[in-house]
Amino acid sequence: LTERNYTYITQKCWDYFVDLMRNVTTAELCEWKVISRPYSELQGCLESWADHLNYSYPNALAEQYIFQSHHRYFHNCTLEHPVYFDPPEDVLLAMIIAPICLIPFLVTLVIWRSKDGKAQA
């Protein structure tokens, strides 16, 4: 009985989500500030009703609706931030060696300046 009730209610959660998504234009589908409310409503509905009916959460039915939302609405969204890769070895080597080579020069400069300061005092 609990499973049947949850199945019925999750369909209502989904219908409400679809209704909210009708107000979202295609250009806005990947903008989190626009879709966060409908998405959170769907997730909250699925979770709160599972809790109310003492049904485990997350569960297969809830996950199915979440996956369905991604497949139907958000499948064309890409990562906002590009994935970074390591630089080529020669660039990486230069980035490592340059600071190492600067250290003796800077130490020498600091020692020279501190000796120069003592001579004036």
C-alpha atoms as a PDB file:
ATOM      1  CA  LEU A   1       0.000   0.000   0.000  1.00  0.00           C
ATOM      2  CA  THR A   2       2.821   2.413   0.902  1.00  0.00           C
ATOM      3  CA  GLU A   3       4.596   1.742  -2.374  1.00  0.00           C
ATOM      4  CA  ARG A   4       1.401   2.266  -4.363  1.00  0.00           C
ATOM      5  CA  ASN A   5       0.691   5.536  -2.505  1.00  0.00           C
ATOM      6  CA  TYR A   6       4.253   6.718  -3.057  1.00  0.00           C
ATOM      7  CA  THR A   7       4.057   5.799  -6.744  1.00  0.00           C
ATOM      8  CA  TYR A   8       0.876   7.873  -7.085  1.00  0.00           C
ATOM      9  CA  ILE A   9       2.327  10.828  -5.181  1.00  0.00           C
ATOM     10  CA  THR A  10       5.642  10.827  -7.066  1.00  0.00           C
ATOM     11  CA  GLN A  11       3.674  11.125 -10.290  1.00  0.00           C
ATOM     12  CA  LYS A  12       1.996  14.226  -8.828  1.00  0.00           C
ATOM     13  CA  CYS A  13       5.446  15.586  -7.861  1.00  0.00           C
ATOM     14  CA  TRP A  14       6.566  15.028 -11.445  1.00  0.00           C
ATOM     15  CA  ASP A  15       3.449  16.673 -12.891  1.00  0.00           C
ATOM     16  CA  TYR A  16       4.048  19.725 -10.693  1.00  0.00           C
ATOM     17  CA  PHE A  17       7.693  19.872 -11.812  1.00  0.00           C
ATOM     18  CA  VAL A  18       6.670  19.677 -15.494  1.00  0.00           C
ATOM     19  CA  ASP A  19       4.160  22.465 -14.868  1.00  0.00           C
ATOM     20  CA  LEU A  20       6.861  24.657 -13.296  1.00  0.00           C
ATOM     21  CA  MET A  21       9.234  23.922 -16.164  1.00  0.00           C
ATOM     22  CA  ARG A  22       6.673  25.231 -18.690  1.00  0.00           C
ATOM     23  CA  ASN A  23       7.652  28.736 -17.550  1.00  0.00           C
ATOM     24  CA  VAL A  24      11.328  28.138 -18.389  1.00  0.00           C
ATOM     25  CA  THR A  25      12.452  29.050 -21.884  1.00  0.00           C
ATOM     26  CA  THR A  26      14.850  26.820 -23.835  1.00  0.00           C
ATOM     27  CA  ALA A  27      17.611  29.418 -23.443  1.00  0.00           C
ATOM     28  CA  GLU A  28      17.191  29.341 -19.640  1.00  0.00           C
ATOM     29  CA  LEU A  29      17.287  25.545 -19.216  1.00  0.00           C
ATOM     30  CA  CYS A  30      20.936  25.505 -18.171  1.00  0.00           C
ATOM     31  CA  GLU A  31      20.789  28.535 -15.876  1.00  0.00           C
ATOM     32  CA  TRP A  32      20.811  27.269 -12.289  1.00  0.00           C
ATOM     33  CA  LYS A  33      19.219  30.435 -10.890  1.00  0.00           C
ATOM     34  CA  VAL A  34      16.205  29.786 -13.126  1.00  0.00           C
ATOM     35  CA  ILE A  35      15.836  26.027 -12.771  1.00  0.00           C
ATOM     36  CA  SER A  36      16.927  25.650  -9.141  1.00  0.00           C
ATOM     37  CA  ARG A  37      13.424  26.255  -7.768  1.00  0.00           C
ATOM     38  CA  PRO A  38      11.598  23.693  -9.936  1.00  0.00           C
ATOM     39  CA  TYR A  39      14.422  21.174  -9.469  1.00  0.00           C
ATOM     40  CA  SER A  40      14.482  21.691  -5.700  1.00  0.00           C
ATOM     41  CA  GLU A  41      10.680  21.428  -5.576  1.00  0.00           C
ATOM     42  CA  LEU A  42      10.823  18.066  -7.349  1.00  0.00           C
ATOM     43  CA  GLN A  43      13.555  16.742  -5.101  1.00  0.00           C
ATOM     44  CA  GLY A  44      11.867  18.112  -1.973  1.00  0.00           C
ATOM     45  CA  CYS A  45       8.500  16.656  -2.949  1.00  0.00           C
ATOM     46  CA  LEU A  46       9.964  13.210  -3.593  1.00  0.00           C
ATOM     47  CA  GLU A  47      11.930  13.273  -0.340  1.00  0.00           C
ATOM     48  CA  SER A  48       9.264  14.717   1.941  1.00  0.00           C
ATOM     49  CA  TRP A  49       6.580  12.294   0.769  1.00  0.00           C
ATOM     50  CA  ALA A  50       8.950   9.361   1.169  1.00  0.00           C
ATOM     51  CA  ASP A  51       9.614  10.552   4.713  1.00  0.00           C
ATOM     52  CA  HIS A  52       5.896  11.118   5.378  1.00  0.00           C
ATOM     53  CA  LEU A  53       5.041   7.586   4.212  1.00  0.00           C
ATOM     54  CA  ASN A  54       8.052   6.033   6.018  1.00  0.00           C
ATOM     55  CA  TYR A  55       9.424   4.988   2.650  1.00  0.00           C
ATOM     56  CA  SER A  56      13.187   4.864   2.193  1.00  0.00           C
ATOM     57  CA  TYR A  57      14.875   7.767   0.453  1.00  0.00           C
ATOM     58  CA  PRO A  58      16.709   7.867  -1.880  1.00  0.00           C
ATOM     59  CA  ASN A  59      14.863   5.108  -3.671  1.00  0.00           C
ATOM     60  CA  ALA A  60      14.641   3.732  -7.194  1.00  0.00           C
ATOM     61  CA  LEU A  61      11.419   5.559  -8.061  1.00  0.00           C
ATOM     62  CA  ALA A  62      12.693   8.953  -6.888  1.00  0.00           C
ATOM     63  CA  GLU A  63      15.964   8.428  -8.736  1.00  0.00           C
ATOM     64  CA  GLN A  64      14.011   7.533 -11.862  1.00  0.00           C
ATOM     65  CA  TYR A  65      12.220  10.901 -11.750  1.00  0.00           C
ATOM     66  CA  ILE A  66      15.475  12.789 -11.118  1.00  0.00           C
ATOM     67  CA  PHE A  67      17.141  11.000 -14.053  1.00  0.00           C
ATOM     68  CA  GLN A  68      14.060  11.645 -16.168  1.00  0.00           C
ATOM     69  CA  SER A  69      14.302  15.387 -15.387  1.00  0.00           C
ATOM     70  CA  HIS A  70      17.929  15.427 -16.508  1.00  0.00           C
ATOM     71  CA  HIS A  71      17.196  13.447 -19.646  1.00  0.00           C
ATOM     72  CA  ARG A  72      14.188  15.541 -20.634  1.00  0.00           C
ATOM     73  CA  TYR A  73      15.344  19.043 -19.705  1.00  0.00           C
ATOM     74  CA  PHE A  74      19.048  19.253 -18.969  1.00  0.00           C
ATOM     75  CA  HIS A  75      20.743  16.833 -21.373  1.00  0.00           C
ATOM     76  CA  ASN A  76      22.211  19.672 -23.490  1.00  0.00           C
ATOM     77  CA  CYS A  77      23.762  21.497 -20.531  1.00  0.00           C
ATOM     78  CA  THR A  78      27.530  21.449 -20.408  1.00  0.00           C
ATOM     79  CA  LEU A  79      29.937  22.268 -17.627  1.00  0.00           C
ATOM     80  CA  GLU A  80      30.215  26.000 -17.033  1.00  0.00           C
ATOM     81  CA  HIS A  81      33.846  25.661 -16.097  1.00  0.00           C
ATOM     82  CA  PRO A  82      36.128  23.972 -18.613  1.00  0.00           C
ATOM     83  CA  VAL A  83      38.030  20.903 -17.551  1.00  0.00           C
ATOM     84  CA  TYR A  84      41.701  21.733 -17.142  1.00  0.00           C
ATOM     85  CA  PHE A  85      44.535  19.440 -18.127  1.00  0.00           C
ATOM     86  CA  ASP A  86      48.205  19.422 -17.151  1.00  0.00           C
ATOM     87  CA  PRO A  87      50.389  21.613 -19.365  1.00  0.00           C
ATOM     88  CA  PRO A  88      52.896  19.990 -21.711  1.00  0.00           C
ATOM     89  CA  GLU A  89      56.035  18.659 -20.026  1.00  0.00           C
ATOM     90  CA  ASP A  90      58.344  21.401 -21.324  1.00  0.00           C
ATOM     91  CA  VAL A  91      56.038  24.138 -20.001  1.00  0.00           C
ATOM     92  CA  LEU A  92      55.647  22.328 -16.694  1.00  0.00           C
ATOM     93  CA  LEU A  93      59.420  21.942 -16.390  1.00  0.00           C
ATOM     94  CA  ALA A  94      59.944  25.663 -17.058  1.00  0.00           C
ATOM     95  CA  MET A  95      57.320  26.535 -14.443  1.00  0.00           C
ATOM     96  CA  ILE A  96      59.129  24.382 -11.883  1.00  0.00           C
ATOM     97  CA  ILE A  97      62.721  25.395 -12.701  1.00  0.00           C
ATOM     98  CA  ALA A  98      62.180  29.171 -13.020  1.00  0.00           C
ATOM     99  CA  PRO A  99      61.276  29.754  -9.331  1.00  0.00           C
ATOM    100  CA  ILE A 100      64.036  27.375  -8.200  1.00  0.00           C
ATOM    101  CA  CYS A 101      66.613  29.355 -10.189  1.00  0.00           C
ATOM    102  CA  LEU A 102      65.317  32.636  -8.756  1.00  0.00           C
ATOM    103  CA  ILE A 103      65.776  31.562  -5.124  1.00  0.00           C
ATOM    104  CA  PRO A 104      69.629  31.796  -5.009  1.00  0.00           C
ATOM    105  CA  PHE A 105      69.472  35.168  -6.795  1.00  0.00           C
ATOM    106  CA  LEU A 106      66.918  36.536  -4.312  1.00  0.00           C
ATOM    107  CA  VAL A 107      68.834  35.191  -1.310  1.00  0.00           C
ATOM    108  CA  THR A 108      72.025  36.819  -2.619  1.00  0.00           C
ATOM    109  CA  LEU A 109      70.170  40.095  -3.169  1.00  0.00           C
ATOM    110  CA  VAL A 110      68.742  40.082   0.378  1.00  0.00           C
ATOM    111  CA  ILE A 111      72.160  39.336   1.918  1.00  0.00           C
ATOM    112  CA  TRP A 112      73.871  42.012  -0.201  1.00  0.00           C
ATOM    113  CA  ARG A 113      71.222  44.625   0.714  1.00  0.00           C
ATOM    114  CA  SER A 114      71.395  43.760   4.415  1.00  0.00           C
ATOM    115  CA  LYS A 115      75.236  44.109   4.402  1.00  0.00           C
ATOM    116  CA  ASP A 116      74.914  47.418   2.565  1.00  0.00           C
ATOM    117  CA  GLY A 117      72.477  48.653   5.237  1.00  0.00           C
ATOM    118  CA  LYS A 118      74.867  47.729   8.076  1.00  0.00           C
ATOM    119  CA  ALA A 119      77.729  49.595   6.406  1.00  0.00           C
ATOM    120  CA  GLN A 120      75.712  52.821   6.341  1.00  0.00           C
ATOM    121  CA  ALA A 121      74.674  52.563  10.001  1.00  0.00           C
END
